[in-house]
Amino acid sequence: THVDVLRELMDHRSVETTMGYYQVSLKRKQE
């Protein structure tokens, strides 16, 4: 799901907060 869409779904103020979840996904992929 696009980060801007997920930010709206989560009702976050900042996209940086939402990006934390994508970083978790990237970390798992790298492992």
PDB file of all heavy atoms in Angstrom:
ATOM      1  N   THR A   1       0.847  -1.191   0.000  1.00  0.00           N
ATOM      2  CA  THR A   1       0.000   0.000   0.000  1.00  0.00           C
ATOM      3  C   THR A   1       0.883   1.242   0.000  1.00  0.00           C
ATOM      4  O   THR A   1       1.831   1.332   0.775  1.00  0.00           O
ATOM      5  CB  THR A   1      -0.908   0.009   1.243  1.00  0.00           C
ATOM      6  OG1 THR A   1      -1.703  -1.184   1.252  1.00  0.00           O
ATOM      7  CG2 THR A   1      -1.817   1.224   1.243  1.00  0.00           C
ATOM      8  N   HIS A   2       0.585   2.186  -0.860  1.00  0.00           N
ATOM      9  CA  HIS A   2       1.412   3.385  -0.983  1.00  0.00           C
ATOM     10  C   HIS A   2       1.489   4.101   0.359  1.00  0.00           C
ATOM     11  O   HIS A   2       0.514   4.171   1.108  1.00  0.00           O
ATOM     12  CB  HIS A   2       0.836   4.318  -2.049  1.00  0.00           C
ATOM     13  CG  HIS A   2       1.783   5.394  -2.480  1.00  0.00           C
ATOM     14  ND1 HIS A   2       1.975   6.545  -1.758  1.00  0.00           N
ATOM     15  CD2 HIS A   2       2.621   5.465  -3.552  1.00  0.00           C
ATOM     16  CE1 HIS A   2       2.877   7.298  -2.370  1.00  0.00           C
ATOM     17  NE2 HIS A   2       3.281   6.664  -3.464  1.00  0.00           N
ATOM     18  N   VAL A   3       2.668   4.652   0.661  1.00  0.00           N
ATOM     19  CA  VAL A   3       2.891   5.242   1.973  1.00  0.00           C
ATOM     20  C   VAL A   3       1.915   6.380   2.264  1.00  0.00           C
ATOM     21  O   VAL A   3       1.455   6.548   3.402  1.00  0.00           O
ATOM     22  CB  VAL A   3       4.356   5.728   2.104  1.00  0.00           C
ATOM     23  CG1 VAL A   3       4.664   6.848   1.128  1.00  0.00           C
ATOM     24  CG2 VAL A   3       4.654   6.172   3.530  1.00  0.00           C
ATOM     25  N   ASP A   4       1.566   7.179   1.261  1.00  0.00           N
ATOM     26  CA  ASP A   4       0.612   8.271   1.490  1.00  0.00           C
ATOM     27  C   ASP A   4      -0.775   7.735   1.824  1.00  0.00           C
ATOM     28  O   ASP A   4      -1.501   8.315   2.636  1.00  0.00           O
ATOM     29  CB  ASP A   4       0.530   9.186   0.268  1.00  0.00           C
ATOM     30  CG  ASP A   4       1.784  10.037   0.110  1.00  0.00           C
ATOM     31  OD1 ASP A   4       2.453  10.258   1.128  1.00  0.00           O
ATOM     32  OD2 ASP A   4       2.081  10.457  -1.021  1.00  0.00           O
ATOM     33  N   VAL A   5      -1.132   6.622   1.179  1.00  0.00           N
ATOM     34  CA  VAL A   5      -2.427   6.002   1.463  1.00  0.00           C
ATOM     35  C   VAL A   5      -2.433   5.440   2.882  1.00  0.00           C
ATOM     36  O   VAL A   5      -3.390   5.627   3.640  1.00  0.00           O
ATOM     37  CB  VAL A   5      -2.744   4.895   0.435  1.00  0.00           C
ATOM     38  CG1 VAL A   5      -4.041   4.174   0.802  1.00  0.00           C
ATOM     39  CG2 VAL A   5      -2.835   5.476  -0.965  1.00  0.00           C
ATOM     40  N   LEU A   6      -1.344   4.757   3.260  1.00  0.00           N
ATOM     41  CA  LEU A   6      -1.284   4.178   4.601  1.00  0.00           C
ATOM     42  C   LEU A   6      -1.255   5.275   5.664  1.00  0.00           C
ATOM     43  O   LEU A   6      -1.831   5.111   6.745  1.00  0.00           O
ATOM     44  CB  LEU A   6      -0.052   3.273   4.734  1.00  0.00           C
ATOM     45  CG  LEU A   6       0.110   2.548   6.076  1.00  0.00           C
ATOM     46  CD1 LEU A   6      -1.155   1.781   6.439  1.00  0.00           C
ATOM     47  CD2 LEU A   6       1.312   1.613   6.043  1.00  0.00           C
ATOM     48  N   ARG A   7      -0.599   6.384   5.384  1.00  0.00           N
ATOM     49  CA  ARG A   7      -0.597   7.492   6.350  1.00  0.00           C
ATOM     50  C   ARG A   7      -2.019   7.963   6.614  1.00  0.00           C
ATOM     51  O   ARG A   7      -2.399   8.238   7.759  1.00  0.00           O
ATOM     52  CB  ARG A   7       0.243   8.656   5.826  1.00  0.00           C
ATOM     53  CG  ARG A   7       0.357   9.811   6.815  1.00  0.00           C
ATOM     54  CD  ARG A   7       1.206  10.933   6.260  1.00  0.00           C
ATOM     55  NE  ARG A   7       0.505  11.639   5.210  1.00  0.00           N
ATOM     56  CZ  ARG A   7      -0.376  12.624   5.412  1.00  0.00           C
ATOM     57  NH1 ARG A   7      -0.662  13.005   6.645  1.00  0.00           N
ATOM     58  NH2 ARG A   7      -0.965  13.222   4.404  1.00  0.00           N
ATOM     59  N   GLU A   8      -2.828   8.052   5.560  1.00  0.00           N
ATOM     60  CA  GLU A   8      -4.222   8.455   5.733  1.00  0.00           C
ATOM     61  C   GLU A   8      -5.007   7.391   6.497  1.00  0.00           C
ATOM     62  O   GLU A   8      -5.822   7.709   7.368  1.00  0.00           O
ATOM     63  CB  GLU A   8      -4.870   8.702   4.367  1.00  0.00           C
ATOM     64  CG  GLU A   8      -4.368   9.941   3.658  1.00  0.00           C
ATOM     65  CD  GLU A   8      -4.728  11.213   4.402  1.00  0.00           C
ATOM     66  OE1 GLU A   8      -5.808  11.249   5.024  1.00  0.00           O
ATOM     67  OE2 GLU A   8      -3.919  12.160   4.380  1.00  0.00           O
ATOM     68  N   LEU A   9      -4.765   6.128   6.171  1.00  0.00           N
ATOM     69  CA  LEU A   9      -5.474   5.049   6.863  1.00  0.00           C
ATOM     70  C   LEU A   9      -5.149   5.029   8.354  1.00  0.00           C
ATOM     71  O   LEU A   9      -6.020   4.784   9.192  1.00  0.00           O
ATOM     72  CB  LEU A   9      -5.117   3.695   6.242  1.00  0.00           C
ATOM     73  CG  LEU A   9      -5.607   3.429   4.811  1.00  0.00           C
ATOM     74  CD1 LEU A   9      -5.078   2.100   4.314  1.00  0.00           C
ATOM     75  CD2 LEU A   9      -7.126   3.444   4.750  1.00  0.00           C
ATOM     76  N   MET A  10      -3.899   5.300   8.687  1.00  0.00           N
ATOM     77  CA  MET A  10      -3.472   5.289  10.089  1.00  0.00           C
ATOM     78  C   MET A  10      -3.769   6.608  10.786  1.00  0.00           C
ATOM     79  O   MET A  10      -3.647   6.716  12.007  1.00  0.00           O
ATOM     80  CB  MET A  10      -1.970   4.988  10.174  1.00  0.00           C
ATOM     81  CG  MET A  10      -1.579   3.607   9.665  1.00  0.00           C
ATOM     82  SD  MET A  10      -2.329   2.276  10.619  1.00  0.00           S
ATOM     83  CE  MET A  10      -1.449   2.439  12.165  1.00  0.00           C
ATOM     84  N   ASP A  11      -4.116   7.635  10.024  1.00  0.00           N
ATOM     85  CA  ASP A  11      -4.394   8.966  10.561  1.00  0.00           C
ATOM     86  C   ASP A  11      -3.174   9.514  11.291  1.00  0.00           C
ATOM     87  O   ASP A  11      -3.276  10.124  12.356  1.00  0.00           O
ATOM     88  CB  ASP A  11      -5.603   8.938  11.504  1.00  0.00           C
ATOM     89  CG  ASP A  11      -6.337  10.281  11.531  1.00  0.00           C
ATOM     90  OD1 ASP A  11      -5.945  11.179  10.767  1.00  0.00           O
ATOM     91  OD2 ASP A  11      -7.289  10.429  12.312  1.00  0.00           O
ATOM     92  N   HIS A  12      -1.989   9.290  10.687  1.00  0.00           N
ATOM     93  CA  HIS A  12      -0.748   9.838  11.223  1.00  0.00           C
ATOM     94  C   HIS A  12      -0.598  11.295  10.804  1.00  0.00           C
ATOM     95  O   HIS A  12      -1.020  11.685   9.716  1.00  0.00           O
ATOM     96  CB  HIS A  12       0.465   9.063  10.697  1.00  0.00           C
ATOM     97  CG  HIS A  12       0.624   7.714  11.312  1.00  0.00           C
ATOM     98  ND1 HIS A  12       1.219   6.650  10.658  1.00  0.00           N
ATOM     99  CD2 HIS A  12       0.276   7.225  12.532  1.00  0.00           C
ATOM    100  CE1 HIS A  12       1.238   5.591  11.436  1.00  0.00           C
ATOM    101  NE2 HIS A  12       0.668   5.914  12.578  1.00  0.00           N
ATOM    102  N   ARG A  13       0.035  12.088  11.651  1.00  0.00           N
ATOM    103  CA  ARG A  13       0.362  13.463  11.277  1.00  0.00           C
ATOM    104  C   ARG A  13       1.502  13.486  10.259  1.00  0.00           C
ATOM    105  O   ARG A  13       1.481  14.256   9.314  1.00  0.00           O
ATOM    106  CB  ARG A  13       0.796  14.256  12.513  1.00  0.00           C
ATOM    107  CG  ARG A  13      -0.305  14.625  13.482  1.00  0.00           C
ATOM    108  CD  ARG A  13       0.222  15.668  14.469  1.00  0.00           C
ATOM    109  NE  ARG A  13      -0.768  16.011  15.474  1.00  0.00           N
ATOM    110  CZ  ARG A  13      -0.829  15.472  16.677  1.00  0.00           C
ATOM    111  NH1 ARG A  13       0.019  14.530  17.005  1.00  0.00           N
ATOM    112  NH2 ARG A  13      -1.744  15.834  17.551  1.00  0.00           N
ATOM    113  N   SER A  14       2.504  12.657  10.494  1.00  0.00           N
ATOM    114  CA  SER A  14       3.721  12.710   9.695  1.00  0.00           C
ATOM    115  C   SER A  14       3.935  11.411   8.931  1.00  0.00           C
ATOM    116  O   SER A  14       3.696  10.317   9.446  1.00  0.00           O
ATOM    117  CB  SER A  14       4.925  12.963  10.620  1.00  0.00           C
ATOM    118  OG  SER A  14       6.136  12.808   9.936  1.00  0.00           O
ATOM    119  N   VAL A  15       4.409  11.551   7.695  1.00  0.00           N
ATOM    120  CA  VAL A  15       4.688  10.365   6.882  1.00  0.00           C
ATOM    121  C   VAL A  15       5.879   9.593   7.449  1.00  0.00           C
ATOM    122  O   VAL A  15       6.004   8.388   7.230  1.00  0.00           O
ATOM    123  CB  VAL A  15       4.938  10.770   5.411  1.00  0.00           C
ATOM    124  CG1 VAL A  15       6.288  11.472   5.262  1.00  0.00           C
ATOM    125  CG2 VAL A  15       4.863   9.564   4.496  1.00  0.00           C
ATOM    126  N   GLU A  16       6.760  10.287   8.222  1.00  0.00           N
ATOM    127  CA  GLU A  16       7.896   9.591   8.818  1.00  0.00           C
ATOM    128  C   GLU A  16       7.441   8.496   9.778  1.00  0.00           C
ATOM    129  O   GLU A  16       8.064   7.446   9.891  1.00  0.00           O
ATOM    130  CB  GLU A  16       8.807  10.582   9.564  1.00  0.00           C
ATOM    131  CG  GLU A  16       9.693  11.422   8.664  1.00  0.00           C
ATOM    132  CD  GLU A  16       8.937  12.575   8.039  1.00  0.00           C
ATOM    133  OE1 GLU A  16       7.775  12.818   8.462  1.00  0.00           O
ATOM    134  OE2 GLU A  16       9.482  13.254   7.153  1.00  0.00           O
ATOM    135  N   THR A  17       6.342   8.768  10.474  1.00  0.00           N
ATOM    136  CA  THR A  17       5.803   7.746  11.379  1.00  0.00           C
ATOM    137  C   THR A  17       5.377   6.520  10.597  1.00  0.00           C
ATOM    138  O   THR A  17       5.687   5.385  10.965  1.00  0.00           O
ATOM    139  CB  THR A  17       4.599   8.318  12.149  1.00  0.00           C
ATOM    140  OG1 THR A  17       5.021   9.450  12.893  1.00  0.00           O
ATOM    141  CG2 THR A  17       4.033   7.277  13.098  1.00  0.00           C
ATOM    142  N   THR A  18       4.681   6.755   9.495  1.00  0.00           N
ATOM    143  CA  THR A  18       4.205   5.644   8.667  1.00  0.00           C
ATOM    144  C   THR A  18       5.367   4.880   8.052  1.00  0.00           C
ATOM    145  O   THR A  18       5.311   3.652   7.915  1.00  0.00           O
ATOM    146  CB  THR A  18       3.283   6.185   7.559  1.00  0.00           C
ATOM    147  OG1 THR A  18       2.336   7.085   8.131  1.00  0.00           O
ATOM    148  CG2 THR A  18       2.549   5.059   6.861  1.00  0.00           C
ATOM    149  N   MET A  19       6.435   5.583   7.693  1.00  0.00           N
ATOM    150  CA  MET A  19       7.575   4.938   7.053  1.00  0.00           C
ATOM    151  C   MET A  19       8.223   3.893   7.949  1.00  0.00           C
ATOM    152  O   MET A  19       8.908   2.993   7.464  1.00  0.00           O
ATOM    153  CB  MET A  19       8.616   5.994   6.657  1.00  0.00           C
ATOM    154  CG  MET A  19       8.285   6.751   5.383  1.00  0.00           C
ATOM    155  SD  MET A  19       8.082   5.662   3.954  1.00  0.00           S
ATOM    156  CE  MET A  19       9.707   4.911   3.871  1.00  0.00           C
ATOM    157  N   GLY A  20       8.005   4.006   9.257  1.00  0.00           N
ATOM    158  CA  GLY A  20       8.582   3.014  10.156  1.00  0.00           C
ATOM    159  C   GLY A  20       8.161   1.602   9.810  1.00  0.00           C
ATOM    160  O   GLY A  20       8.941   0.658   9.924  1.00  0.00           O
ATOM    161  N   TYR A  21       6.920   1.437   9.356  1.00  0.00           N
ATOM    162  CA  TYR A  21       6.422   0.104   9.023  1.00  0.00           C
ATOM    163  C   TYR A  21       7.073  -0.420   7.743  1.00  0.00           C
ATOM    164  O   TYR A  21       7.337  -1.613   7.608  1.00  0.00           O
ATOM    165  CB  TYR A  21       4.905   0.140   8.889  1.00  0.00           C
ATOM    166  CG  TYR A  21       4.241   0.499  10.192  1.00  0.00           C
ATOM    167  CD1 TYR A  21       3.849   1.799  10.459  1.00  0.00           C
ATOM    168  CD2 TYR A  21       4.057  -0.462  11.182  1.00  0.00           C
ATOM    169  CE1 TYR A  21       3.271   2.145  11.667  1.00  0.00           C
ATOM    170  CE2 TYR A  21       3.478  -0.129  12.398  1.00  0.00           C
ATOM    171  CZ  TYR A  21       3.090   1.176  12.633  1.00  0.00           C
ATOM    172  OH  TYR A  21       2.535   1.525  13.835  1.00  0.00           O
ATOM    173  N   TYR A  22       7.341   0.475   6.787  1.00  0.00           N
ATOM    174  CA  TYR A  22       8.017   0.052   5.569  1.00  0.00           C
ATOM    175  C   TYR A  22       9.469  -0.316   5.850  1.00  0.00           C
ATOM    176  O   TYR A  22      10.027  -1.205   5.211  1.00  0.00           O
ATOM    177  CB  TYR A  22       7.948   1.172   4.519  1.00  0.00           C
ATOM    178  CG  TYR A  22       6.555   1.388   3.996  1.00  0.00           C
ATOM    179  CD1 TYR A  22       5.686   2.254   4.641  1.00  0.00           C
ATOM    180  CD2 TYR A  22       6.094   0.700   2.881  1.00  0.00           C
ATOM    181  CE1 TYR A  22       4.394   2.441   4.185  1.00  0.00           C
ATOM    182  CE2 TYR A  22       4.799   0.886   2.411  1.00  0.00           C
ATOM    183  CZ  TYR A  22       3.950   1.755   3.064  1.00  0.00           C
ATOM    184  OH  TYR A  22       2.664   1.937   2.613  1.00  0.00           O
ATOM    185  N   GLN A  23      10.059   0.373   6.823  1.00  0.00           N
ATOM    186  CA  GLN A  23      11.425   0.026   7.200  1.00  0.00           C
ATOM    187  C   GLN A  23      11.475  -1.358   7.820  1.00  0.00           C
ATOM    188  O   GLN A  23      12.426  -2.112   7.615  1.00  0.00           O
ATOM    189  CB  GLN A  23      11.967   1.076   8.173  1.00  0.00           C
ATOM    190  CG  GLN A  23      12.179   2.439   7.524  1.00  0.00           C
ATOM    191  CD  GLN A  23      12.403   3.540   8.531  1.00  0.00           C
ATOM    192  OE1 GLN A  23      12.318   3.314   9.733  1.00  0.00           O
ATOM    193  NE2 GLN A  23      12.666   4.741   8.047  1.00  0.00           N
ATOM    194  N   VAL A  24      10.437  -1.705   8.589  1.00  0.00           N
ATOM    195  CA  VAL A  24      10.366  -3.058   9.145  1.00  0.00           C
ATOM    196  C   VAL A  24      10.251  -4.076   8.023  1.00  0.00           C
ATOM    197  O   VAL A  24      10.918  -5.114   8.018  1.00  0.00           O
ATOM    198  CB  VAL A  24       9.172  -3.184  10.109  1.00  0.00           C
ATOM    199  CG1 VAL A  24       8.955  -4.635  10.499  1.00  0.00           C
ATOM    200  CG2 VAL A  24       9.422  -2.347  11.352  1.00  0.00           C
ATOM    201  N   SER A  25       9.426  -3.782   7.006  1.00  0.00           N
ATOM    202  CA  SER A  25       9.278  -4.689   5.865  1.00  0.00           C
ATOM    203  C   SER A  25      10.600  -4.852   5.128  1.00  0.00           C
ATOM    204  O   SER A  25      10.986  -5.954   4.739  1.00  0.00           O
ATOM    205  CB  SER A  25       8.206  -4.145   4.904  1.00  0.00           C
ATOM    206  OG  SER A  25       6.946  -4.118   5.525  1.00  0.00           O
ATOM    207  N   LEU A  26      11.308  -3.720   4.917  1.00  0.00           N
ATOM    208  CA  LEU A  26      12.588  -3.773   4.217  1.00  0.00           C
ATOM    209  C   LEU A  26      13.605  -4.583   5.012  1.00  0.00           C
ATOM    210  O   LEU A  26      14.368  -5.376   4.451  1.00  0.00           O
ATOM    211  CB  LEU A  26      13.101  -2.353   3.983  1.00  0.00           C
ATOM    212  CG  LEU A  26      14.473  -2.232   3.306  1.00  0.00           C
ATOM    213  CD1 LEU A  26      14.446  -2.882   1.930  1.00  0.00           C
ATOM    214  CD2 LEU A  26      14.883  -0.768   3.211  1.00  0.00           C
ATOM    215  N   LYS A  27      13.618  -4.403   6.331  1.00  0.00           N
ATOM    216  CA  LYS A  27      14.565  -5.136   7.159  1.00  0.00           C
ATOM    217  C   LYS A  27      14.308  -6.635   7.063  1.00  0.00           C
ATOM    218  O   LYS A  27      15.239  -7.439   6.941  1.00  0.00           O
ATOM    219  CB  LYS A  27      14.447  -4.667   8.612  1.00  0.00           C
ATOM    220  CG  LYS A  27      15.402  -5.382   9.565  1.00  0.00           C
ATOM    221  CD  LYS A  27      15.226  -4.870  10.994  1.00  0.00           C
ATOM    222  CE  LYS A  27      16.146  -5.602  11.956  1.00  0.00           C
ATOM    223  NZ  LYS A  27      15.944  -5.135  13.353  1.00  0.00           N
ATOM    224  N   ARG A  28      13.026  -7.020   7.108  1.00  0.00           N
ATOM    225  CA  ARG A  28      12.709  -8.449   7.005  1.00  0.00           C
ATOM    226  C   ARG A  28      13.110  -8.995   5.636  1.00  0.00           C
ATOM    227  O   ARG A  28      13.587 -10.121   5.515  1.00  0.00           O
ATOM    228  CB  ARG A  28      11.211  -8.660   7.247  1.00  0.00           C
ATOM    229  CG  ARG A  28      10.777  -8.436   8.677  1.00  0.00           C
ATOM    230  CD  ARG A  28       9.546  -9.261   8.989  1.00  0.00           C
ATOM    231  NE  ARG A  28       8.485  -9.010   8.038  1.00  0.00           N
ATOM    232  CZ  ARG A  28       7.453  -8.199   8.267  1.00  0.00           C
ATOM    233  NH1 ARG A  28       7.360  -7.571   9.415  1.00  0.00           N
ATOM    234  NH2 ARG A  28       6.530  -8.017   7.363  1.00  0.00           N
ATOM    235  N   LYS A  29      12.913  -8.182   4.582  1.00  0.00           N
ATOM    236  CA  LYS A  29      13.291  -8.628   3.241  1.00  0.00           C
ATOM    237  C   LYS A  29      14.795  -8.826   3.150  1.00  0.00           C
ATOM    238  O   LYS A  29      15.280  -9.815   2.584  1.00  0.00           O
ATOM    239  CB  LYS A  29      12.822  -7.614   2.197  1.00  0.00           C
ATOM    240  CG  LYS A  29      13.199  -8.005   0.774  1.00  0.00           C
ATOM    241  CD  LYS A  29      12.838  -6.929  -0.227  1.00  0.00           C
ATOM    242  CE  LYS A  29      13.335  -7.291  -1.617  1.00  0.00           C
ATOM    243  NZ  LYS A  29      13.089  -6.216  -2.604  1.00  0.00           N
ATOM    244  N   GLN A  30      15.557  -7.889   3.713  1.00  0.00           N
ATOM    245  CA  GLN A  30      17.012  -8.000   3.664  1.00  0.00           C
ATOM    246  C   GLN A  30      17.494  -9.240   4.409  1.00  0.00           C
ATOM    247  O   GLN A  30      18.414  -9.933   3.963  1.00  0.00           O
ATOM    248  CB  GLN A  30      17.645  -6.739   4.250  1.00  0.00           C
ATOM    249  CG  GLN A  30      17.453  -5.499   3.374  1.00  0.00           C
ATOM    250  CD  GLN A  30      17.888  -4.231   4.071  1.00  0.00           C
ATOM    251  OE1 GLN A  30      17.916  -4.168   5.300  1.00  0.00           O
ATOM    252  NE2 GLN A  30      18.209  -3.204   3.299  1.00  0.00           N
ATOM    253  N   GLU A  31      16.869  -9.534   5.544  1.00  0.00           N
ATOM    254  CA  GLU A  31      17.242 -10.741   6.291  1.00  0.00           C
ATOM    255  C   GLU A  31      16.910 -11.990   5.489  1.00  0.00           C
ATOM    256  O   GLU A  31      17.669 -12.970   5.496  1.00  0.00           O
ATOM    257  CB  GLU A  31      16.518 -10.750   7.635  1.00  0.00           C
ATOM    258  CG  GLU A  31      16.991  -9.661   8.600  1.00  0.00           C
ATOM    259  CD  GLU A  31      16.131  -9.575   9.846  1.00  0.00           C
ATOM    260  OE1 GLU A  31      15.066 -10.233   9.870  1.00  0.00           O
ATOM    261  OE2 GLU A  31      16.518  -8.855  10.783  1.00  0.00           O
TER     262      GLU A  31
END
